[in-house]
């Protein structure tokens, strides 16, 4: 089965965040990115990675802790 890739905008919509939030974390997702011409596409597999990171960041912001 072929891997599904999304545009930054589509990925942001599925992750429930802004495209800017995705751009800030692209460095952590290099293994999931491929270029389609000049556009970056992100594998849907990165959604789990991204949402786990977002939950950790939110928890740290709520508790005031930094790891």
PDB file of N, CA and C in Angstrom:
ATOM      1  N   UNK A   1       0.844  -1.188   0.000  1.00  0.00           N
ATOM      2  CA  UNK A   1       0.000   0.000   0.000  1.00  0.00           C
ATOM      3  C   UNK A   1       0.886   1.248   0.000  1.00  0.00           C
ATOM      4  N   UNK A   2       0.594   2.186  -0.863  1.00  0.00           N
ATOM      5  CA  UNK A   2       1.391   3.398  -0.973  1.00  0.00           C
ATOM      6  C   UNK A   2       1.118   4.328   0.201  1.00  0.00           C
ATOM      7  N   UNK A   3       2.167   4.960   0.670  1.00  0.00           N
ATOM      8  CA  UNK A   3       2.082   5.897   1.784  1.00  0.00           C
ATOM      9  C   UNK A   3       1.320   7.148   1.364  1.00  0.00           C
ATOM     10  N   UNK A   4       0.467   7.657   2.227  1.00  0.00           N
ATOM     11  CA  UNK A   4      -0.294   8.879   1.941  1.00  0.00           C
ATOM     12  C   UNK A   4       0.475  10.094   2.461  1.00  0.00           C
ATOM     13  N   UNK A   5       0.610  11.096   1.619  1.00  0.00           N
ATOM     14  CA  UNK A   5       1.278  12.343   1.988  1.00  0.00           C
ATOM     15  C   UNK A   5       0.295  13.495   1.857  1.00  0.00           C
ATOM     16  N   UNK A   6       0.426  14.457   2.763  1.00  0.00           N
ATOM     17  CA  UNK A   6      -0.461  15.615   2.807  1.00  0.00           C
ATOM     18  C   UNK A   6       0.329  16.898   2.636  1.00  0.00           C
ATOM     19  N   UNK A   7      -0.337  17.926   2.146  1.00  0.00           N
ATOM     20  CA  UNK A   7       0.283  19.246   2.104  1.00  0.00           C
ATOM     21  C   UNK A   7       0.378  19.768   3.539  1.00  0.00           C
ATOM     22  N   UNK A   8       1.133  20.819   3.732  1.00  0.00           N
ATOM     23  CA  UNK A   8       1.256  21.430   5.062  1.00  0.00           C
ATOM     24  C   UNK A   8      -0.125  21.846   5.569  1.00  0.00           C
ATOM     25  N   UNK A   9      -0.917  22.446   4.706  1.00  0.00           N
ATOM     26  CA  UNK A   9      -2.250  22.906   5.097  1.00  0.00           C
ATOM     27  C   UNK A   9      -3.142  21.734   5.502  1.00  0.00           C
ATOM     28  N   UNK A  10      -3.150  20.672   4.701  1.00  0.00           N
ATOM     29  CA  UNK A  10      -3.962  19.492   5.016  1.00  0.00           C
ATOM     30  C   UNK A  10      -3.506  18.846   6.326  1.00  0.00           C
ATOM     31  N   UNK A  11      -2.186  18.751   6.490  1.00  0.00           N
ATOM     32  CA  UNK A  11      -1.632  18.159   7.699  1.00  0.00           C
ATOM     33  C   UNK A  11      -2.040  18.971   8.929  1.00  0.00           C
ATOM     34  N   UNK A  12      -1.946  20.294   8.818  1.00  0.00           N
ATOM     35  CA  UNK A  12      -2.321  21.177   9.927  1.00  0.00           C
ATOM     36  C   UNK A  12      -3.792  21.003  10.292  1.00  0.00           C
ATOM     37  N   UNK A  13      -4.643  20.895   9.291  1.00  0.00           N
ATOM     38  CA  UNK A  13      -6.076  20.707   9.546  1.00  0.00           C
ATOM     39  C   UNK A  13      -6.322  19.409  10.300  1.00  0.00           C
ATOM     40  N   UNK A  14      -5.674  18.335   9.874  1.00  0.00           N
ATOM     41  CA  UNK A  14      -5.854  17.046  10.557  1.00  0.00           C
ATOM     42  C   UNK A  14      -5.287  17.051  11.962  1.00  0.00           C
ATOM     43  N   UNK A  15      -4.189  17.777  12.160  1.00  0.00           N
ATOM     44  CA  UNK A  15      -3.560  17.849  13.484  1.00  0.00           C
ATOM     45  C   UNK A  15      -4.277  18.837  14.399  1.00  0.00           C
ATOM     46  N   UNK A  16      -5.131  19.680  13.816  1.00  0.00           N
ATOM     47  CA  UNK A  16      -5.872  20.656  14.614  1.00  0.00           C
ATOM     48  C   UNK A  16      -5.026  21.841  15.050  1.00  0.00           C
ATOM     49  N   UNK A  17      -4.045  22.195  14.228  1.00  0.00           N
ATOM     50  CA  UNK A  17      -3.168  23.323  14.533  1.00  0.00           C
ATOM     51  C   UNK A  17      -3.029  24.197  13.293  1.00  0.00           C
ATOM     52  N   UNK A  18      -2.296  25.287  13.418  1.00  0.00           N
ATOM     53  CA  UNK A  18      -2.083  26.175  12.281  1.00  0.00           C
ATOM     54  C   UNK A  18      -0.925  25.669  11.422  1.00  0.00           C
ATOM     55  N   UNK A  19      -0.893  26.057  10.160  1.00  0.00           N
ATOM     56  CA  UNK A  19       0.262  25.705   9.327  1.00  0.00           C
ATOM     57  C   UNK A  19       1.579  26.224   9.913  1.00  0.00           C
ATOM     58  N   UNK A  20       1.540  27.379  10.575  1.00  0.00           N
ATOM     59  CA  UNK A  20       2.750  27.920  11.193  1.00  0.00           C
ATOM     60  C   UNK A  20       3.305  26.965  12.246  1.00  0.00           C
ATOM     61  N   UNK A  21       2.434  26.316  12.994  1.00  0.00           N
ATOM     62  CA  UNK A  21       2.880  25.349  14.007  1.00  0.00           C
ATOM     63  C   UNK A  21       3.585  24.169  13.348  1.00  0.00           C
ATOM     64  N   UNK A  22       3.116  23.786  12.176  1.00  0.00           N
ATOM     65  CA  UNK A  22       3.752  22.689  11.442  1.00  0.00           C
ATOM     66  C   UNK A  22       5.128  23.126  10.971  1.00  0.00           C
ATOM     67  N   UNK A  23       5.225  24.310  10.395  1.00  0.00           N
ATOM     68  CA  UNK A  23       6.508  24.801   9.913  1.00  0.00           C
ATOM     69  C   UNK A  23       7.547  24.867  11.030  1.00  0.00           C
ATOM     70  N   UNK A  24       7.125  25.238  12.240  1.00  0.00           N
ATOM     71  CA  UNK A  24       8.047  25.322  13.373  1.00  0.00           C
ATOM     72  C   UNK A  24       8.641  23.961  13.717  1.00  0.00           C
ATOM     73  N   UNK A  25       7.924  22.885  13.413  1.00  0.00           N
ATOM     74  CA  UNK A  25       8.369  21.551  13.817  1.00  0.00           C
ATOM     75  C   UNK A  25       8.849  20.675  12.663  1.00  0.00           C
ATOM     76  N   UNK A  26       8.995  21.252  11.503  1.00  0.00           N
ATOM     77  CA  UNK A  26       9.441  20.470  10.343  1.00  0.00           C
ATOM     78  C   UNK A  26      10.797  19.811  10.570  1.00  0.00           C
ATOM     79  N   UNK A  27      11.662  20.461  11.304  1.00  0.00           N
ATOM     80  CA  UNK A  27      12.980  19.900  11.570  1.00  0.00           C
ATOM     81  C   UNK A  27      12.919  18.567  12.292  1.00  0.00           C
ATOM     82  N   UNK A  28      11.906  18.381  13.122  1.00  0.00           N
ATOM     83  CA  UNK A  28      11.731  17.136  13.866  1.00  0.00           C
ATOM     84  C   UNK A  28      11.042  16.055  13.050  1.00  0.00           C
ATOM     85  N   UNK A  29      10.575  16.402  11.858  1.00  0.00           N
ATOM     86  CA  UNK A  29       9.805  15.453  11.057  1.00  0.00           C
ATOM     87  C   UNK A  29      10.463  15.151   9.714  1.00  0.00           C
ATOM     88  N   UNK A  30      11.761  15.386   9.591  1.00  0.00           N
ATOM     89  CA  UNK A  30      12.442  15.230   8.307  1.00  0.00           C
ATOM     90  C   UNK A  30      12.261  13.843   7.695  1.00  0.00           C
ATOM     91  N   UNK A  31      12.175  12.813   8.505  1.00  0.00           N
ATOM     92  CA  UNK A  31      12.009  11.452   7.983  1.00  0.00           C
ATOM     93  C   UNK A  31      10.636  11.232   7.342  1.00  0.00           C
ATOM     94  N   UNK A  32       9.711  12.118   7.607  1.00  0.00           N
ATOM     95  CA  UNK A  32       8.343  11.980   7.109  1.00  0.00           C
ATOM     96  C   UNK A  32       8.022  12.926   5.949  1.00  0.00           C
ATOM     97  N   UNK A  33       8.995  13.717   5.527  1.00  0.00           N
ATOM     98  CA  UNK A  33       8.762  14.736   4.504  1.00  0.00           C
ATOM     99  C   UNK A  33       9.321  14.290   3.163  1.00  0.00           C
ATOM    100  N   UNK A  34       8.586  14.598   2.122  1.00  0.00           N
ATOM    101  CA  UNK A  34       9.101  14.419   0.763  1.00  0.00           C
ATOM    102  C   UNK A  34       8.731  15.665  -0.032  1.00  0.00           C
ATOM    103  N   UNK A  35       9.535  15.929  -1.029  1.00  0.00           N
ATOM    104  CA  UNK A  35       9.286  17.084  -1.883  1.00  0.00           C
ATOM    105  C   UNK A  35       8.481  16.643  -3.094  1.00  0.00           C
ATOM    106  N   UNK A  36       7.470  17.433  -3.422  1.00  0.00           N
ATOM    107  CA  UNK A  36       6.656  17.208  -4.608  1.00  0.00           C
ATOM    108  C   UNK A  36       6.796  18.479  -5.440  1.00  0.00           C
ATOM    109  N   UNK A  37       7.827  18.494  -6.272  1.00  0.00           N
ATOM    110  CA  UNK A  37       8.168  19.732  -6.958  1.00  0.00           C
ATOM    111  C   UNK A  37       8.762  20.680  -5.939  1.00  0.00           C
ATOM    112  N   UNK A  38       8.137  21.837  -5.751  1.00  0.00           N
ATOM    113  CA  UNK A  38       8.600  22.795  -4.748  1.00  0.00           C
ATOM    114  C   UNK A  38       7.813  22.697  -3.445  1.00  0.00           C
ATOM    115  N   UNK A  39       6.793  21.859  -3.422  1.00  0.00           N
ATOM    116  CA  UNK A  39       5.946  21.740  -2.242  1.00  0.00           C
ATOM    117  C   UNK A  39       6.411  20.596  -1.354  1.00  0.00           C
ATOM    118  N   UNK A  40       6.358  20.862  -0.054  1.00  0.00           N
ATOM    119  CA  UNK A  40       6.658  19.813   0.915  1.00  0.00           C
ATOM    120  C   UNK A  40       5.374  19.070   1.221  1.00  0.00           C
ATOM    121  N   UNK A  41       5.505  17.764   1.309  1.00  0.00           N
ATOM    122  CA  UNK A  41       4.383  16.923   1.722  1.00  0.00           C
ATOM    123  C   UNK A  41       4.830  16.096   2.915  1.00  0.00           C
ATOM    124  N   UNK A  42       3.921  15.899   3.844  1.00  0.00           N
ATOM    125  CA  UNK A  42       4.234  15.182   5.072  1.00  0.00           C
ATOM    126  C   UNK A  42       3.397  13.908   5.132  1.00  0.00           C
ATOM    127  N   UNK A  43       4.056  12.829   5.506  1.00  0.00           N
ATOM    128  CA  UNK A  43       3.385  11.542   5.639  1.00  0.00           C
ATOM    129  C   UNK A  43       2.334  11.609   6.746  1.00  0.00           C
ATOM    130  N   UNK A  44       1.218  10.910   6.545  1.00  0.00           N
ATOM    131  CA  UNK A  44       0.194  10.865   7.583  1.00  0.00           C
ATOM    132  C   UNK A  44       0.723  10.163   8.829  1.00  0.00           C
ATOM    133  N   UNK A  45       1.762   9.348   8.689  1.00  0.00           N
ATOM    134  CA  UNK A  45       2.361   8.688   9.846  1.00  0.00           C
ATOM    135  C   UNK A  45       2.911   9.698  10.848  1.00  0.00           C
ATOM    136  N   UNK A  46       3.270  10.876  10.393  1.00  0.00           N
ATOM    137  CA  UNK A  46       3.811  11.910  11.266  1.00  0.00           C
ATOM    138  C   UNK A  46       2.738  12.521  12.153  1.00  0.00           C
ATOM    139  N   UNK A  47       1.470  12.290  11.853  1.00  0.00           N
ATOM    140  CA  UNK A  47       0.403  12.834  12.696  1.00  0.00           C
ATOM    141  C   UNK A  47       0.532  12.337  14.129  1.00  0.00           C
ATOM    142  N   UNK A  48       0.820  11.053  14.309  1.00  0.00           N
ATOM    143  CA  UNK A  48       0.990  10.510  15.657  1.00  0.00           C
ATOM    144  C   UNK A  48       2.157  11.183  16.360  1.00  0.00           C
ATOM    145  N   UNK A  49       3.259  11.340  15.655  1.00  0.00           N
ATOM    146  CA  UNK A  49       4.439  12.002  16.208  1.00  0.00           C
ATOM    147  C   UNK A  49       4.101  13.435  16.586  1.00  0.00           C
ATOM    148  N   UNK A  50       3.441  14.130  15.704  1.00  0.00           N
ATOM    149  CA  UNK A  50       3.122  15.537  15.935  1.00  0.00           C
ATOM    150  C   UNK A  50       2.153  15.707  17.090  1.00  0.00           C
ATOM    151  N   UNK A  51       1.101  14.906  17.153  1.00  0.00           N
ATOM    152  CA  UNK A  51       0.123  15.063  18.219  1.00  0.00           C
ATOM    153  C   UNK A  51       0.721  14.682  19.564  1.00  0.00           C
ATOM    154  N   UNK A  52       1.625  13.707  19.610  1.00  0.00           N
ATOM    155  CA  UNK A  52       2.292  13.359  20.869  1.00  0.00           C
ATOM    156  C   UNK A  52       3.173  14.503  21.342  1.00  0.00           C
ATOM    157  N   UNK A  53       3.883  15.139  20.432  1.00  0.00           N
ATOM    158  CA  UNK A  53       4.731  16.279  20.779  1.00  0.00           C
ATOM    159  C   UNK A  53       3.874  17.434  21.268  1.00  0.00           C
ATOM    160  N   UNK A  54       2.776  17.698  20.590  1.00  0.00           N
ATOM    161  CA  UNK A  54       1.887  18.790  20.982  1.00  0.00           C
ATOM    162  C   UNK A  54       1.344  18.555  22.391  1.00  0.00           C
ATOM    163  N   UNK A  55       0.942  17.330  22.711  1.00  0.00           N
ATOM    164  CA  UNK A  55       0.403  17.036  24.046  1.00  0.00           C
ATOM    165  C   UNK A  55       1.462  17.259  25.107  1.00  0.00           C
ATOM    166  N   UNK A  56       2.709  16.878  24.830  1.00  0.00           N
ATOM    167  CA  UNK A  56       3.803  17.071  25.775  1.00  0.00           C
ATOM    168  C   UNK A  56       4.058  18.554  25.998  1.00  0.00           C
ATOM    169  N   UNK A  57       4.065  19.324  24.926  1.00  0.00           N
ATOM    170  CA  UNK A  57       4.281  20.771  25.036  1.00  0.00           C
ATOM    171  C   UNK A  57       3.157  21.415  25.831  1.00  0.00           C
ATOM    172  N   UNK A  58       1.925  21.033  25.556  1.00  0.00           N
ATOM    173  CA  UNK A  58       0.786  21.593  26.276  1.00  0.00           C
ATOM    174  C   UNK A  58       0.875  21.256  27.755  1.00  0.00           C
ATOM    175  N   UNK A  59       1.248  20.025  28.074  1.00  0.00           N
ATOM    176  CA  UNK A  59       1.358  19.607  29.471  1.00  0.00           C
ATOM    177  C   UNK A  59       2.441  20.419  30.180  1.00  0.00           C
ATOM    178  N   UNK A  60       3.560  20.650  29.508  1.00  0.00           N
ATOM    179  CA  UNK A  60       4.643  21.441  30.105  1.00  0.00           C
ATOM    180  C   UNK A  60       4.196  22.876  30.326  1.00  0.00           C
ATOM    181  N   UNK A  61       3.454  23.418  29.381  1.00  0.00           N
ATOM    182  CA  UNK A  61       2.965  24.788  29.537  1.00  0.00           C
ATOM    183  C   UNK A  61       1.980  24.882  30.693  1.00  0.00           C
ATOM    184  N   UNK A  62       1.125  23.853  30.859  1.00  0.00           N
ATOM    185  CA  UNK A  62       0.146  23.854  31.933  1.00  0.00           C
ATOM    186  C   UNK A  62       0.796  23.740  33.307  1.00  0.00           C
ATOM    187  N   UNK A  63       1.841  22.918  33.405  1.00  0.00           N
ATOM    188  CA  UNK A  63       2.498  22.679  34.693  1.00  0.00           C
ATOM    189  C   UNK A  63       3.666  23.609  34.949  1.00  0.00           C
ATOM    190  N   UNK A  64       4.128  24.288  33.897  1.00  0.00           N
ATOM    191  CA  UNK A  64       5.253  25.196  34.037  1.00  0.00           C
ATOM    192  C   UNK A  64       6.591  24.487  34.063  1.00  0.00           C
ATOM    193  N   UNK A  65       6.621  23.204  33.666  1.00  0.00           N
ATOM    194  CA  UNK A  65       7.876  22.446  33.662  1.00  0.00           C
ATOM    195  C   UNK A  65       8.498  22.465  32.295  1.00  0.00           C
ATOM    196  N   UNK A  66       9.794  22.312  32.277  1.00  0.00           N
ATOM    197  CA  UNK A  66      10.530  22.240  31.026  1.00  0.00           C
ATOM    198  C   UNK A  66      11.459  21.053  31.120  1.00  0.00           C
ATOM    199  N   UNK A  67      11.419  20.200  30.100  1.00  0.00           N
ATOM    200  CA  UNK A  67      12.290  19.014  30.098  1.00  0.00           C
ATOM    201  C   UNK A  67      13.478  19.239  29.230  1.00  0.00           C
TER     202      UNK A  67
END
